[in-house]
PDB file of N, CA and C in Angstrom:
ATOM      1  N   MET A   1       9.615   7.392   1.324  1.00  0.00           N
ATOM      2  CA  MET A   1      10.102   8.708   1.395  1.00  0.00           C
ATOM      3  C   MET A   1       8.719   9.551   1.428  1.00  0.00           C
ATOM      4  N   GLN A   2       8.853  10.673   2.136  1.00  0.00           N
ATOM      5  CA  GLN A   2       7.743  11.506   2.265  1.00  0.00           C
ATOM      6  C   GLN A   2       7.829  12.661   1.212  1.00  0.00           C
ATOM      7  N   GLU A   3       6.528  12.989   0.739  1.00  0.00           N
ATOM      8  CA  GLU A   3       6.395  14.031  -0.295  1.00  0.00           C
ATOM      9  C   GLU A   3       6.232  15.437   0.475  1.00  0.00           C
ATOM     10  N   PRO A   4       6.734  16.431   0.053  1.00  0.00           N
ATOM     11  CA  PRO A   4       6.366  17.682   0.612  1.00  0.00           C
ATOM     12  C   PRO A   4       4.936  18.177   0.136  1.00  0.00           C
ATOM     13  N   GLN A   5       4.283  18.830   0.983  1.00  0.00           N
ATOM     14  CA  GLN A   5       3.000  19.310   0.663  1.00  0.00           C
ATOM     15  C   GLN A   5       3.125  20.763   1.096  1.00  0.00           C
ATOM     16  N   HIS A   6       2.499  21.685   0.351  1.00  0.00           N
ATOM     17  CA  HIS A   6       2.596  23.154   0.562  1.00  0.00           C
ATOM     18  C   HIS A   6       1.220  23.587   1.000  1.00  0.00           C
ATOM     19  N   ASP A   7       1.392  24.379   2.155  1.00  0.00           N
ATOM     20  CA  ASP A   7       0.282  25.110   2.623  1.00  0.00           C
ATOM     21  C   ASP A   7       0.697  26.655   2.618  1.00  0.00           C
ATOM     22  N   ARG A   8      -0.094  27.430   2.148  1.00  0.00           N
ATOM     23  CA  ARG A   8       0.404  29.018   1.957  1.00  0.00           C
ATOM     24  C   ARG A   8       0.479  29.642   3.395  1.00  0.00           C
ATOM     25  N   ASN A   9      -0.209  29.029   4.351  1.00  0.00           N
ATOM     26  CA  ASN A   9      -0.152  29.613   5.672  1.00  0.00           C
ATOM     27  C   ASN A   9       0.839  29.045   6.416  1.00  0.00           C
ATOM     28  N   ARG A  10       1.181  27.885   6.381  1.00  0.00           N
ATOM     29  CA  ARG A  10       2.245  27.180   7.245  1.00  0.00           C
ATOM     30  C   ARG A  10       3.452  26.757   6.512  1.00  0.00           C
ATOM     31  N   GLY A  11       3.690  26.756   5.150  1.00  0.00           N
ATOM     32  CA  GLY A  11       4.732  26.426   4.489  1.00  0.00           C
ATOM     33  C   GLY A  11       4.765  24.860   4.100  1.00  0.00           C
ATOM     34  N   PRO A  12       5.788  24.289   3.720  1.00  0.00           N
ATOM     35  CA  PRO A  12       5.800  22.854   3.285  1.00  0.00           C
ATOM     36  C   PRO A  12       5.475  21.963   4.405  1.00  0.00           C
ATOM     37  N   GLU A  13       4.804  20.975   4.217  1.00  0.00           N
ATOM     38  CA  GLU A  13       4.434  19.900   5.133  1.00  0.00           C
ATOM     39  C   GLU A  13       4.938  18.496   4.533  1.00  0.00           C
ATOM     40  N   LEU A  14       5.116  17.506   5.294  1.00  0.00           N
ATOM     41  CA  LEU A  14       5.447  16.217   4.713  1.00  0.00           C
ATOM     42  C   LEU A  14       4.138  15.327   4.857  1.00  0.00           C
ATOM     43  N   LYS A  15       3.946  14.870   3.789  1.00  0.00           N
ATOM     44  CA  LYS A  15       2.725  13.875   3.626  1.00  0.00           C
ATOM     45  C   LYS A  15       3.115  12.488   4.159  1.00  0.00           C
ATOM     46  N   SER A  16       2.584  11.945   5.165  1.00  0.00           N
ATOM     47  CA  SER A  16       2.928  10.824   5.742  1.00  0.00           C
ATOM     48  C   SER A  16       2.278   9.540   5.180  1.00  0.00           C
ATOM     49  N   PRO A  17       2.921   8.411   5.030  1.00  0.00           N
ATOM     50  CA  PRO A  17       2.514   7.205   4.273  1.00  0.00           C
ATOM     51  C   PRO A  17       1.074   6.812   5.046  1.00  0.00           C
ATOM     52  N   SER A  18       0.138   6.471   4.065  1.00  0.00           N
ATOM     53  CA  SER A  18      -0.956   5.996   4.708  1.00  0.00           C
ATOM     54  C   SER A  18      -1.652   4.742   4.077  1.00  0.00           C
ATOM     55  N   PHE A  19      -0.702   4.023   3.091  1.00  0.00           N
ATOM     56  CA  PHE A  19      -1.052   2.932   2.505  1.00  0.00           C
ATOM     57  C   PHE A  19      -0.134   1.787   3.025  1.00  0.00           C
ATOM     58  N   ASP A  20      -0.481   0.814   3.885  1.00  0.00           N
ATOM     59  CA  ASP A  20       0.488  -0.256   4.219  1.00  0.00           C
ATOM     60  C   ASP A  20       0.396  -1.333   3.288  1.00  0.00           C
ATOM     61  N   ILE A  21       1.479  -2.126   3.095  1.00  0.00           N
ATOM     62  CA  ILE A  21       1.578  -3.128   2.176  1.00  0.00           C
ATOM     63  C   ILE A  21       1.854  -4.349   3.059  1.00  0.00           C
ATOM     64  N   PHE A  22       1.107  -5.496   2.805  1.00  0.00           N
ATOM     65  CA  PHE A  22       1.433  -6.708   3.444  1.00  0.00           C
ATOM     66  C   PHE A  22       1.554  -7.819   2.429  1.00  0.00           C
ATOM     67  N   GLN A  23       2.313  -8.738   2.648  1.00  0.00           N
ATOM     68  CA  GLN A  23       2.516  -9.952   1.802  1.00  0.00           C
ATOM     69  C   GLN A  23       1.862 -11.123   2.493  1.00  0.00           C
ATOM     70  N   VAL A  24       1.026 -11.739   1.828  1.00  0.00           N
ATOM     71  CA  VAL A  24       0.402 -13.042   2.328  1.00  0.00           C
ATOM     72  C   VAL A  24       1.187 -14.171   2.236  1.00  0.00           C
ATOM     73  N   GLU A  25       1.575 -14.983   3.424  1.00  0.00           N
ATOM     74  CA  GLU A  25       2.238 -16.023   3.426  1.00  0.00           C
ATOM     75  C   GLU A  25       1.507 -17.115   4.081  1.00  0.00           C
ATOM     76  N   ALA A  26       2.008 -18.404   4.106  1.00  0.00           N
ATOM     77  CA  ALA A  26       1.262 -19.504   4.667  1.00  0.00           C
ATOM     78  C   ALA A  26       0.970 -19.307   6.090  1.00  0.00           C
ATOM     79  N   GLY A  27       1.829 -18.727   6.842  1.00  0.00           N
ATOM     80  CA  GLY A  27       1.834 -18.566   8.251  1.00  0.00           C
ATOM     81  C   GLY A  27       1.050 -17.294   8.746  1.00  0.00           C
ATOM     82  N   GLY A  28       0.591 -16.421   7.704  1.00  0.00           N
ATOM     83  CA  GLY A  28       0.026 -15.096   8.008  1.00  0.00           C
ATOM     84  C   GLY A  28       0.370 -14.043   7.080  1.00  0.00           C
ATOM     85  N   VAL A  29       0.407 -12.874   7.697  1.00  0.00           N
ATOM     86  CA  VAL A  29       0.783 -11.568   6.756  1.00  0.00           C
ATOM     87  C   VAL A  29       2.085 -10.987   7.145  1.00  0.00           C
ATOM     88  N   VAL A  30       2.871 -10.401   6.376  1.00  0.00           N
ATOM     89  CA  VAL A  30       4.226  -9.893   6.892  1.00  0.00           C
ATOM     90  C   VAL A  30       4.077  -8.463   6.114  1.00  0.00           C
ATOM     91  N   TRP A  31       4.331  -7.383   7.026  1.00  0.00           N
ATOM     92  CA  TRP A  31       4.340  -5.957   6.594  1.00  0.00           C
ATOM     93  C   TRP A  31       5.658  -5.735   5.662  1.00  0.00           C
ATOM     94  N   ARG A  32       5.392  -5.146   4.585  1.00  0.00           N
ATOM     95  CA  ARG A  32       6.484  -4.940   3.526  1.00  0.00           C
ATOM     96  C   ARG A  32       6.681  -3.453   3.447  1.00  0.00           C
ATOM     97  N   GLY A  33       5.990  -2.588   3.958  1.00  0.00           N
ATOM     98  CA  GLY A  33       6.338  -1.148   3.981  1.00  0.00           C
ATOM     99  C   GLY A  33       4.959  -0.292   3.841  1.00  0.00           C
ATOM    100  N   ALA A  34       5.167   0.994   3.578  1.00  0.00           N
ATOM    101  CA  ALA A  34       3.999   1.808   3.322  1.00  0.00           C
ATOM    102  C   ALA A  34       4.459   2.867   2.326  1.00  0.00           C
ATOM    103  N   THR A  35       3.327   3.454   1.664  1.00  0.00           N
ATOM    104  CA  THR A  35       3.603   4.491   0.676  1.00  0.00           C
ATOM    105  C   THR A  35       2.548   5.458   0.924  1.00  0.00           C
ATOM    106  N   THR A  36       2.513   6.647   0.244  1.00  0.00           N
ATOM    107  CA  THR A  36       1.744   7.851   0.358  1.00  0.00           C
ATOM    108  C   THR A  36       0.460   7.720  -0.565  1.00  0.00           C
ATOM    109  N   THR A  37       0.506   7.064  -1.602  1.00  0.00           N
ATOM    110  CA  THR A  37      -0.599   6.835  -2.639  1.00  0.00           C
ATOM    111  C   THR A  37      -0.872   5.404  -2.836  1.00  0.00           C
ATOM    112  N   PHE A  38      -2.149   5.020  -3.255  1.00  0.00           N
ATOM    113  CA  PHE A  38      -2.453   3.769  -3.749  1.00  0.00           C
ATOM    114  C   PHE A  38      -1.723   3.320  -4.748  1.00  0.00           C
ATOM    115  N   GLU A  39      -1.528   4.198  -5.919  1.00  0.00           N
ATOM    116  CA  GLU A  39      -0.650   3.886  -6.990  1.00  0.00           C
ATOM    117  C   GLU A  39       0.707   3.406  -6.636  1.00  0.00           C
ATOM    118  N   ASP A  40       1.383   4.242  -5.676  1.00  0.00           N
ATOM    119  CA  ASP A  40       2.757   3.783  -5.474  1.00  0.00           C
ATOM    120  C   ASP A  40       2.748   2.558  -4.751  1.00  0.00           C
ATOM    121  N   ALA A  41       1.691   2.112  -3.922  1.00  0.00           N
ATOM    122  CA  ALA A  41       1.656   0.850  -3.328  1.00  0.00           C
ATOM    123  C   ALA A  41       1.551  -0.333  -4.287  1.00  0.00           C
ATOM    124  N   LYS A  42       0.707  -0.229  -5.285  1.00  0.00           N
ATOM    125  CA  LYS A  42       0.649  -1.048  -6.453  1.00  0.00           C
ATOM    126  C   LYS A  42       1.851  -1.236  -7.231  1.00  0.00           C
ATOM    127  N   LYS A  43       2.719  -0.149  -7.381  1.00  0.00           N
ATOM    128  CA  LYS A  43       3.859  -0.217  -7.944  1.00  0.00           C
ATOM    129  C   LYS A  43       4.945  -0.940  -7.161  1.00  0.00           C
ATOM    130  N   ARG A  44       4.810  -0.701  -5.816  1.00  0.00           N
ATOM    131  CA  ARG A  44       5.818  -1.456  -4.963  1.00  0.00           C
ATOM    132  C   ARG A  44       5.486  -2.908  -4.999  1.00  0.00           C
ATOM    133  N   ILE A  45       4.208  -3.327  -4.936  1.00  0.00           N
ATOM    134  CA  ILE A  45       3.863  -4.629  -5.063  1.00  0.00           C
ATOM    135  C   ILE A  45       4.212  -5.356  -6.159  1.00  0.00           C
ATOM    136  N   GLN A  46       4.334  -4.769  -7.429  1.00  0.00           N
ATOM    137  CA  GLN A  46       4.918  -5.251  -8.586  1.00  0.00           C
ATOM    138  C   GLN A  46       6.385  -5.677  -8.480  1.00  0.00           C
ATOM    139  N   GLU A  47       7.017  -4.675  -7.650  1.00  0.00           N
ATOM    140  CA  GLU A  47       8.578  -4.880  -7.519  1.00  0.00           C
ATOM    141  C   GLU A  47       8.724  -6.054  -6.507  1.00  0.00           C
ATOM    142  N   LEU A  48       7.987  -6.128  -5.455  1.00  0.00           N
ATOM    143  CA  LEU A  48       8.031  -7.184  -4.497  1.00  0.00           C
ATOM    144  C   LEU A  48       7.778  -8.562  -5.094  1.00  0.00           C
ATOM    145  N   ALA A  49       6.591  -8.520  -5.955  1.00  0.00           N
ATOM    146  CA  ALA A  49       6.173  -9.753  -6.574  1.00  0.00           C
ATOM    147  C   ALA A  49       7.123 -10.372  -7.598  1.00  0.00           C
ATOM    148  N   SER A  50       7.877  -9.491  -8.237  1.00  0.00           N
ATOM    149  CA  SER A  50       8.942 -10.000  -9.188  1.00  0.00           C
ATOM    150  C   SER A  50       9.926 -10.920  -8.387  1.00  0.00           C
ATOM    151  N   ALA A  51      10.277 -10.647  -7.254  1.00  0.00           N
ATOM    152  CA  ALA A  51      11.121 -11.474  -6.394  1.00  0.00           C
ATOM    153  C   ALA A  51      10.497 -12.524  -5.519  1.00  0.00           C
ATOM    154  N   ALA A  52       9.262 -12.248  -5.093  1.00  0.00           N
ATOM    155  CA  ALA A  52       8.479 -13.076  -4.249  1.00  0.00           C
ATOM    156  C   ALA A  52       7.009 -13.120  -4.518  1.00  0.00           C
ATOM    157  N   PRO A  53       6.754 -13.816  -5.731  1.00  0.00           N
ATOM    158  CA  PRO A  53       5.142 -13.954  -6.159  1.00  0.00           C
ATOM    159  C   PRO A  53       4.352 -14.399  -5.008  1.00  0.00           C
ATOM    160  N   SER A  54       3.261 -13.821  -4.828  1.00  0.00           N
ATOM    161  CA  SER A  54       2.388 -14.031  -3.588  1.00  0.00           C
ATOM    162  C   SER A  54       1.179 -13.069  -3.860  1.00  0.00           C
ATOM    163  N   ASP A  55       0.029 -13.099  -2.945  1.00  0.00           N
ATOM    164  CA  ASP A  55      -0.864 -12.313  -2.833  1.00  0.00           C
ATOM    165  C   ASP A  55      -0.373 -11.191  -1.956  1.00  0.00           C
ATOM    166  N   TYR A  56      -0.803  -9.973  -2.148  1.00  0.00           N
ATOM    167  CA  TYR A  56      -0.535  -8.768  -1.231  1.00  0.00           C
ATOM    168  C   TYR A  56      -1.771  -8.072  -0.934  1.00  0.00           C
ATOM    169  N   ILE A  57      -1.731  -7.419   0.326  1.00  0.00           N
ATOM    170  CA  ILE A  57      -2.761  -6.513   0.779  1.00  0.00           C
ATOM    171  C   ILE A  57      -2.354  -5.228   0.817  1.00  0.00           C
ATOM    172  N   ILE A  58      -3.097  -4.236   0.365  1.00  0.00           N
ATOM    173  CA  ILE A  58      -2.982  -2.762   0.463  1.00  0.00           C
ATOM    174  C   ILE A  58      -3.914  -2.307   1.490  1.00  0.00           C
ATOM    175  N   TRP A  59      -3.437  -1.823   2.584  1.00  0.00           N
ATOM    176  CA  TRP A  59      -4.585  -1.232   3.744  1.00  0.00           C
ATOM    177  C   TRP A  59      -4.377   0.288   3.960  1.00  0.00           C
ATOM    178  N   ASP A  60      -5.677   0.856   3.604  1.00  0.00           N
ATOM    179  CA  ASP A  60      -5.702   2.386   3.788  1.00  0.00           C
ATOM    180  C   ASP A  60      -5.736   2.596   5.133  1.00  0.00           C
ATOM    181  N   ARG A  61      -4.933   3.275   5.703  1.00  0.00           N
ATOM    182  CA  ARG A  61      -5.082   3.654   7.051  1.00  0.00           C
ATOM    183  C   ARG A  61      -6.134   4.626   7.435  1.00  0.00           C
ATOM    184  N   ASN A  62      -6.480   5.635   6.536  1.00  0.00           N
ATOM    185  CA  ASN A  62      -7.364   6.541   6.610  1.00  0.00           C
ATOM    186  C   ASN A  62      -8.849   6.093   6.546  1.00  0.00           C
ATOM    187  N   THR A  63      -8.958   5.070   5.757  1.00  0.00           N
ATOM    188  CA  THR A  63     -10.396   4.713   5.607  1.00  0.00           C
ATOM    189  C   THR A  63     -10.624   3.273   6.116  1.00  0.00           C
ATOM    190  N   GLY A  64      -9.594   2.540   6.320  1.00  0.00           N
ATOM    191  CA  GLY A  64      -9.667   1.152   6.781  1.00  0.00           C
ATOM    192  C   GLY A  64      -9.830   0.015   5.708  1.00  0.00           C
ATOM    193  N   ASP A  65     -10.078   0.597   4.406  1.00  0.00           N
ATOM    194  CA  ASP A  65     -10.242  -0.391   3.400  1.00  0.00           C
ATOM    195  C   ASP A  65      -9.065  -1.221   3.114  1.00  0.00           C
ATOM    196  N   LYS A  66      -9.241  -2.454   2.699  1.00  0.00           N
ATOM    197  CA  LYS A  66      -8.312  -3.412   2.403  1.00  0.00           C
ATOM    198  C   LYS A  66      -8.434  -3.833   1.001  1.00  0.00           C
ATOM    199  N   HIS A  67      -7.429  -3.932   0.170  1.00  0.00           N
ATOM    200  CA  HIS A  67      -7.548  -4.370  -1.207  1.00  0.00           C
ATOM    201  C   HIS A  67      -6.364  -5.564  -1.331  1.00  0.00           C
ATOM    202  N   THR A  68      -6.984  -6.674  -1.880  1.00  0.00           N
ATOM    203  CA  THR A  68      -6.016  -7.833  -2.104  1.00  0.00           C
ATOM    204  C   THR A  68      -5.660  -7.845  -3.557  1.00  0.00           C
ATOM    205  N   LEU A  69      -4.344  -7.974  -3.920  1.00  0.00           N
ATOM    206  CA  LEU A  69      -3.836  -8.052  -5.197  1.00  0.00           C
ATOM    207  C   LEU A  69      -3.047  -9.233  -5.353  1.00  0.00           C
ATOM    208  N   ASP A  70      -3.096  -9.786  -6.543  1.00  0.00           N
ATOM    209  CA  ASP A  70      -2.167 -10.950  -6.815  1.00  0.00           C
ATOM    210  C   ASP A  70      -0.846 -10.429  -7.234  1.00  0.00           C
ATOM    211  N   SER A  71      -0.046 -11.396  -7.696  1.00  0.00           N
ATOM    212  CA  SER A  71       1.323 -11.095  -8.084  1.00  0.00           C
ATOM    213  C   SER A  71       1.493 -10.094  -9.202  1.00  0.00           C
ATOM    214  N   SER A  72       0.417 -10.202 -10.028  1.00  0.00           N
ATOM    215  CA  SER A  72       0.395  -9.292 -11.286  1.00  0.00           C
ATOM    216  C   SER A  72      -0.265  -7.964 -11.031  1.00  0.00           C
ATOM    217  N   GLY A  73      -0.649  -7.786  -9.857  1.00  0.00           N
ATOM    218  CA  GLY A  73      -1.270  -6.368  -9.517  1.00  0.00           C
ATOM    219  C   GLY A  73      -2.643  -6.410  -9.679  1.00  0.00           C
ATOM    220  N   ARG A  74      -3.298  -7.406 -10.062  1.00  0.00           N
ATOM    221  CA  ARG A  74      -4.749  -7.464 -10.150  1.00  0.00           C
ATOM    222  C   ARG A  74      -5.519  -7.598  -9.035  1.00  0.00           C
ATOM    223  N   LYS A  75      -6.733  -6.863  -8.757  1.00  0.00           N
ATOM    224  CA  LYS A  75      -7.348  -7.186  -7.557  1.00  0.00           C
ATOM    225  C   LYS A  75      -8.026  -8.427  -7.609  1.00  0.00           C
ATOM    226  N   LYS A  76      -8.064  -8.962  -6.334  1.00  0.00           N
ATOM    227  CA  LYS A  76      -8.790 -10.273  -6.034  1.00  0.00           C
ATOM    228  C   LYS A  76      -9.923  -9.959  -5.254  1.00  0.00           C
ATOM    229  N   GLY A  77     -11.172 -10.363  -5.701  1.00  0.00           N
ATOM    230  CA  GLY A  77     -12.340 -10.411  -5.112  1.00  0.00           C
ATOM    231  C   GLY A  77     -12.754  -8.790  -5.005  1.00  0.00           C
ATOM    232  N   GLY A  78     -13.722  -8.530  -4.004  1.00  0.00           N
ATOM    233  CA  GLY A  78     -14.255  -7.234  -4.104  1.00  0.00           C
ATOM    234  C   GLY A  78     -13.342  -6.374  -3.066  1.00  0.00           C
ATOM    235  N   GLU A  79     -13.746  -5.077  -2.916  1.00  0.00           N
ATOM    236  CA  GLU A  79     -12.979  -4.269  -1.996  1.00  0.00           C
ATOM    237  C   GLU A  79     -13.560  -4.567  -0.732  1.00  0.00           C
ATOM    238  N   GLN A  80     -12.729  -4.693   0.258  1.00  0.00           N
ATOM    239  CA  GLN A  80     -13.040  -4.995   1.709  1.00  0.00           C
ATOM    240  C   GLN A  80     -12.926  -3.868   2.739  1.00  0.00           C
ATOM    241  N   ASN A  81     -13.815  -3.579   3.422  1.00  0.00           N
ATOM    242  CA  ASN A  81     -13.840  -2.577   4.529  1.00  0.00           C
ATOM    243  C   ASN A  81     -13.620  -3.247   5.809  1.00  0.00           C
ATOM    244  N   GLY A  82     -12.882  -2.397   6.711  1.00  0.00           N
ATOM    245  CA  GLY A  82     -12.567  -2.764   8.118  1.00  0.00           C
ATOM    246  C   GLY A  82     -11.689  -3.874   8.336  1.00  0.00           C
TER     247      GLY A  82
END
């Protein structure tokens, strides 16, 4: 769901999702949705992981940064760019 953002000159705008969530599977990765904030992406991963424990990747469309998290929501390794 998109969150309204207000601009005094143009009125409310919708903030588009910029954090894609992928589940890591044996055959590759599967897209599981997108959120507008990194924190929302982490929350969504916790929900997904309760039903399907796995590693998950959050990809920031704006910066290209990738973050790999385990089922508990902890980061694995360092931050990855590109």
